[in-house]
Amino acid sequence: MTQIARLYGGSMYDLAAEEKITDTVMEQMQTIRQLFGENPDYVRLLSEPSIPKEERTKLLETAFGQEAERYLVNFLKLLCERGILGEYAGCCEEFTRRYNVDHNIATAVVTSAVALTEEQMKALKDKLEKLSGKTVTLTQKTDPTVLAGLRVELEGKQLDGTVKSRLDGLSRKLNELIV
């Protein structure tokens, strides 16, 4: 994430927090981010310097003016006018980071060889919430190289309970003993 994204995303969060609309703005920001991801040509069009700024901002007004919070529409127009609409994804990340800090939410990514059941996900979520003391949002990934067990990344910390990691640990200990 760039410094520009941190600055603009943080400023947008401050404004939304002041107006007490952080939940709504975050949801709408994520939706718009998804739309931009699905339509990269639209973002390129909005970033095209040969098209006058007024026309590009009109396109944003037409697309989101009736659907999104006025502050968010104006934020998009500002990014467009300044030629930094490409920073929008980073702005969303900073907004979400600040939201999570203020609402005591931790994000975790669990990686396993096969998809976990709903019961397993709930049990893991409960355990992580007790461990962190925060509300945890859990994202699941599958990776066949894990073999068995789980690898969890929680707030930048790796909790590795995979068979591969245990085998690597045993191998290191054996190498230390042999040398």
Protein backbone atom coordinates (compact mmCIF):
# COMPACT_ATOMS: atom_id res chain seq x y z
CA MET A 1 0.00 0.00 0.00
CA THR A 2 1.36 3.39 -0.95
CA GLN A 3 1.60 6.48 1.21
CA ILE A 4 -1.04 8.13 -1.00
CA ALA A 5 -3.47 5.26 -0.35
CA ARG A 6 -2.82 5.46 3.40
CA LEU A 7 -3.39 9.20 3.44
CA TYR A 8 -6.54 9.23 1.32
CA GLY A 9 -8.03 6.03 2.77
CA GLY A 10 -7.34 7.24 6.30
CA SER A 11 -8.88 10.63 5.56
CA MET A 12 -11.97 8.95 4.13
CA TYR A 13 -12.22 6.83 7.28
CA ASP A 14 -11.90 9.90 9.52
CA LEU A 15 -14.72 11.63 7.63
CA ALA A 16 -16.96 8.55 7.72
CA ALA A 17 -16.28 8.09 11.46
CA GLU A 18 -17.11 11.73 12.13
CA GLU A 19 -20.39 11.34 10.23
CA LYS A 20 -21.03 7.90 11.86
CA ILE A 21 -21.40 6.12 8.52
CA THR A 22 -18.35 3.83 8.61
CA ASP A 23 -20.38 0.62 8.21
CA THR A 24 -22.25 1.88 5.16
CA VAL A 25 -19.19 3.43 3.52
CA MET A 26 -17.07 0.33 4.08
CA GLU A 27 -19.68 -1.92 2.50
CA GLN A 28 -20.09 0.42 -0.48
CA MET A 29 -16.32 0.84 -0.90
CA GLN A 30 -15.88 -2.94 -1.09
CA THR A 31 -18.70 -3.23 -3.63
CA ILE A 32 -17.18 -0.51 -5.81
CA ARG A 33 -13.75 -2.11 -5.46
CA GLN A 34 -15.20 -5.38 -6.70
CA LEU A 35 -16.89 -3.60 -9.61
CA PHE A 36 -13.62 -1.90 -10.54
CA GLY A 37 -11.84 -5.26 -10.38
CA GLU A 38 -14.42 -6.85 -12.67
CA ASN A 39 -14.31 -3.89 -15.10
CA PRO A 40 -10.68 -2.75 -15.46
CA ASP A 41 -11.50 -1.03 -18.76
CA TYR A 42 -13.86 1.31 -16.89
CA VAL A 43 -11.08 2.30 -14.50
CA ARG A 44 -8.73 2.88 -17.45
CA LEU A 45 -11.40 5.06 -19.07
CA LEU A 46 -11.76 7.09 -15.85
CA SER A 47 -7.97 7.50 -15.74
CA GLU A 48 -7.57 8.50 -19.38
CA PRO A 49 -6.00 12.00 -19.47
CA SER A 50 -7.29 12.70 -22.99
CA ILE A 51 -10.86 12.72 -21.64
CA PRO A 52 -11.67 15.98 -19.81
CA LYS A 53 -11.92 15.65 -16.02
CA GLU A 54 -15.49 16.98 -16.06
CA GLU A 55 -16.61 14.12 -18.32
CA ARG A 56 -14.84 11.51 -16.19
CA THR A 57 -16.42 12.83 -13.00
CA LYS A 58 -19.82 12.87 -14.72
CA LEU A 59 -19.34 9.17 -15.48
CA LEU A 60 -18.74 8.53 -11.77
CA GLU A 61 -21.77 10.61 -10.84
CA THR A 62 -23.93 8.68 -13.30
CA ALA A 63 -22.65 5.31 -12.12
CA PHE A 64 -22.69 5.87 -8.35
CA GLY A 65 -24.44 9.18 -7.63
CA GLN A 66 -27.82 7.66 -6.76
CA GLU A 67 -26.48 4.46 -5.16
CA ALA A 68 -23.54 5.39 -2.93
CA GLU A 69 -23.04 7.76 -0.02
CA ARG A 70 -22.44 11.30 -1.25
CA TYR A 71 -19.08 11.44 0.59
CA LEU A 72 -17.93 8.29 -1.20
CA VAL A 73 -19.00 9.57 -4.62
CA ASN A 74 -17.12 12.82 -3.97
CA PHE A 75 -14.12 10.79 -2.81
CA LEU A 76 -14.12 8.85 -6.09
CA LYS A 77 -14.38 12.11 -8.04
CA LEU A 78 -11.44 13.55 -6.08
CA LEU A 79 -9.28 10.51 -6.88
CA CYS A 80 -10.31 10.79 -10.53
CA GLU A 81 -9.56 14.52 -10.72
CA ARG A 82 -6.15 14.04 -9.13
CA GLY A 83 -5.30 11.15 -11.45
CA ILE A 84 -4.89 8.64 -8.64
CA LEU A 85 -7.94 6.41 -9.12
CA GLY A 86 -5.50 3.50 -9.37
CA GLU A 87 -4.90 3.95 -5.63
CA TYR A 88 -8.53 3.14 -4.81
CA ALA A 89 -7.84 -0.48 -3.79
CA GLY A 90 -5.16 0.70 -1.36
CA CYS A 91 -7.54 3.32 0.02
CA CYS A 92 -10.06 0.53 0.66
CA GLU A 93 -7.41 -1.50 2.48
CA GLU A 94 -6.49 1.43 4.72
CA PHE A 95 -10.16 2.20 5.40
CA THR A 96 -10.76 -1.45 6.35
CA ARG A 97 -7.61 -1.55 8.52
CA ARG A 98 -8.72 1.53 10.45
CA TYR A 99 -12.28 0.16 10.73
CA ASN A 100 -10.97 -3.12 12.14
CA VAL A 101 -8.77 -1.35 14.70
CA ASP A 102 -11.67 0.83 15.89
CA HIS A 103 -14.08 -2.12 16.07
CA ASN A 104 -11.63 -4.61 17.67
CA ILE A 105 -11.70 -6.95 14.67
CA ALA A 106 -8.83 -9.22 13.69
CA THR A 107 -8.52 -10.88 10.31
CA ALA A 108 -7.19 -14.39 9.96
CA VAL A 109 -6.43 -16.63 6.99
CA VAL A 110 -6.55 -20.39 7.54
CA THR A 111 -4.85 -22.66 5.02
CA SER A 112 -5.58 -26.38 4.89
CA ALA A 113 -5.24 -29.23 2.39
CA VAL A 114 -9.02 -29.59 2.08
CA ALA A 115 -11.90 -27.23 2.77
CA LEU A 116 -12.98 -27.13 6.40
CA THR A 117 -16.58 -27.80 7.39
CA GLU A 118 -18.74 -25.04 8.85
CA GLU A 119 -18.43 -26.64 12.31
CA GLN A 120 -14.63 -26.72 12.03
CA MET A 121 -14.53 -23.10 10.87
CA LYS A 122 -16.76 -22.04 13.78
CA ALA A 123 -14.63 -23.94 16.31
CA LEU A 124 -11.44 -22.40 14.89
CA LYS A 125 -12.99 -18.93 14.88
CA ASP A 126 -14.05 -19.31 18.53
CA LYS A 127 -10.55 -20.48 19.52
CA LEU A 128 -8.89 -17.60 17.67
CA GLU A 129 -11.27 -15.08 19.27
CA LYS A 130 -10.31 -16.39 22.72
CA LEU A 131 -6.64 -16.28 21.79
CA SER A 132 -6.71 -12.73 20.38
CA GLY A 133 -9.46 -11.20 22.52
CA LYS A 134 -10.97 -9.75 19.34
CA THR A 135 -13.76 -10.56 16.94
CA VAL A 136 -12.18 -12.60 14.15
CA THR A 137 -13.11 -12.61 10.48
CA LEU A 138 -11.83 -15.85 9.01
CA THR A 139 -10.89 -16.48 5.39
CA GLN A 140 -10.25 -20.00 4.19
CA LYS A 141 -7.71 -21.13 1.58
CA THR A 142 -6.88 -24.61 0.40
CA ASP A 143 -3.37 -25.72 -0.49
CA PRO A 144 -2.67 -29.39 -1.25
CA THR A 145 1.01 -28.97 -0.25
CA VAL A 146 -0.08 -28.52 3.37
CA LEU A 147 -0.69 -32.32 3.54
CA ALA A 148 -2.48 -32.26 6.89
CA GLY A 149 -3.11 -29.81 9.71
CA LEU A 150 -3.69 -26.06 9.54
CA ARG A 151 -1.66 -22.93 8.98
CA VAL A 152 -3.24 -19.78 10.38
CA GLU A 153 -2.08 -16.21 9.88
CA LEU A 154 -3.60 -13.95 12.51
CA GLU A 155 -2.63 -10.26 12.58
CA GLY A 156 0.72 -10.95 10.96
CA LYS A 157 1.56 -13.94 13.19
CA GLN A 158 1.93 -17.44 11.76
CA LEU A 159 0.42 -20.30 13.73
CA ASP A 160 1.65 -23.37 11.88
CA GLY A 161 0.19 -26.72 12.89
CA THR A 162 0.82 -28.48 9.61
CA VAL A 163 2.46 -31.88 9.30
CA LYS A 164 5.03 -30.36 6.94
CA SER A 165 6.13 -27.84 9.57
CA ARG A 166 6.39 -30.55 12.22
CA LEU A 167 8.44 -32.75 9.89
CA ASP A 168 10.71 -29.78 9.07
CA GLY A 169 11.17 -29.18 12.81
CA LEU A 170 12.07 -32.83 13.42
CA SER A 171 14.50 -32.74 10.50
CA ARG A 172 16.24 -29.66 11.93
CA LYS A 173 16.54 -31.28 15.37
CA LEU A 174 17.98 -34.45 13.85
CA ASN A 175 20.49 -32.43 11.83
CA GLU A 176 21.57 -30.58 15.00
CA LEU A 177 22.06 -33.87 16.84
CA ILE A 178 24.00 -35.49 14.02
CA VAL A 179 26.35 -32.53 13.44
